[in-house]
Amino acid sequence: MSEYYLNETVVTFPGNIIQDSTINMLRLSDPDAALIISRGQMQEGDELASQIEQQMKKLEKQVKDLHYTPVQVTRVGINDGEEGLEI
């Protein structure tokens, strides 16, 4: 039995959740921008930086006039225990 937590609800499934591939999109009015948070599973041995680079190349092909900030290292998780990349 697996539970998936959302701000609005908790969903209970009879089996196991094998991957979280959800996407959240927040539209901002000032500046006129969007924050998109997507989740995916990396393969064993993959590096976060190379995954980000691949994803950004795909987005550049799909989104006309894509604008984003340069990649920066940040800390995430409980007590900032994990290294992440912010774009």
Protein backbone atom coordinates (compact mmCIF):
# COMPACT_ATOMS: atom_id res chain seq x y z
CA MET A 1 0.00 0.00 0.00
CA SER A 2 1.41 3.39 -0.98
CA GLU A 3 0.22 6.87 -0.09
CA TYR A 4 0.91 9.93 -2.22
CA TYR A 5 0.74 13.26 -0.40
CA LEU A 6 -0.60 16.37 -2.06
CA ASN A 7 -1.49 19.65 -0.43
CA GLU A 8 -5.13 18.90 -1.20
CA THR A 9 -5.34 15.19 -0.36
CA VAL A 10 -3.66 11.85 0.30
CA VAL A 11 -4.26 9.19 -2.35
CA THR A 12 -4.01 5.52 -1.35
CA PHE A 13 -3.23 2.89 -3.98
CA PRO A 14 -3.41 -0.91 -3.62
CA GLY A 15 0.08 -1.47 -5.08
CA ASN A 16 3.44 0.27 -4.89
CA ILE A 17 4.19 3.59 -6.55
CA ILE A 18 7.25 2.86 -8.67
CA GLN A 19 7.97 6.39 -9.90
CA ASP A 20 6.79 9.94 -9.25
CA SER A 21 6.61 11.73 -12.61
CA THR A 22 4.43 14.63 -11.53
CA ILE A 23 4.87 18.18 -12.78
CA ASN A 24 3.97 21.36 -10.91
CA MET A 25 3.74 24.69 -12.72
CA LEU A 26 3.42 28.03 -10.94
CA ARG A 27 2.62 31.08 -13.07
CA LEU A 28 4.06 34.36 -11.81
CA SER A 29 2.66 37.77 -12.64
CA ASP A 30 5.74 39.82 -11.82
CA PRO A 31 7.98 38.97 -13.51
CA ASP A 32 5.90 37.30 -16.20
CA ALA A 33 7.39 33.86 -15.78
CA ALA A 34 6.62 30.28 -14.84
CA LEU A 35 8.28 27.97 -12.34
CA ILE A 36 8.09 24.35 -13.45
CA ILE A 37 9.01 21.54 -11.09
CA SER A 38 9.20 18.10 -12.68
CA ARG A 39 10.18 14.80 -11.17
CA GLY A 40 11.80 11.89 -12.86
CA GLN A 41 13.98 8.93 -12.14
CA MET A 42 17.68 8.99 -12.95
CA GLN A 43 19.42 5.82 -14.04
CA GLU A 44 22.13 4.37 -11.82
CA GLY A 45 25.42 6.12 -12.50
CA ASP A 46 23.79 9.23 -13.99
CA GLU A 47 24.94 12.61 -12.71
CA LEU A 48 22.47 15.37 -11.92
CA ALA A 49 24.40 17.97 -13.93
CA SER A 50 24.34 15.86 -17.12
CA GLN A 51 20.63 15.13 -16.66
CA ILE A 52 19.90 18.85 -16.31
CA GLU A 53 21.96 19.60 -19.42
CA GLN A 54 20.03 16.99 -21.44
CA GLN A 55 16.67 18.28 -20.21
CA MET A 56 17.56 21.88 -21.02
CA LYS A 57 18.64 20.92 -24.55
CA LYS A 58 15.25 19.23 -25.06
CA LEU A 59 13.42 22.28 -23.73
CA GLU A 60 15.40 24.64 -25.98
CA LYS A 61 14.16 22.64 -28.99
CA GLN A 62 10.56 22.54 -27.75
CA VAL A 63 10.03 26.04 -26.33
CA LYS A 64 10.40 29.07 -28.56
CA ASP A 65 12.23 31.97 -26.87
CA LEU A 66 13.06 29.93 -23.75
CA HIS A 67 14.76 32.07 -21.10
CA TYR A 68 16.32 30.69 -17.93
CA THR A 69 18.93 31.60 -15.36
CA PRO A 70 22.33 29.89 -15.36
CA VAL A 71 22.59 26.66 -13.35
CA GLN A 72 23.64 27.26 -9.73
CA VAL A 73 24.46 24.74 -7.00
CA THR A 74 22.05 24.90 -4.05
CA ARG A 75 21.26 22.85 -0.94
CA VAL A 76 17.89 21.08 -0.59
CA GLY A 77 16.16 18.61 1.69
CA ILE A 78 16.01 18.26 5.43
CA ASN A 79 18.65 20.51 7.00
CA ASP A 80 19.95 21.26 3.48
CA GLY A 81 21.45 17.77 3.45
CA GLU A 82 21.38 17.27 -0.32
CA GLU A 83 23.04 19.13 -3.15
CA GLY A 84 20.74 20.30 -5.90
CA LEU A 85 20.88 22.46 -8.99
CA GLU A 86 18.79 25.58 -9.42
CA ILE A 87 17.98 27.00 -12.85
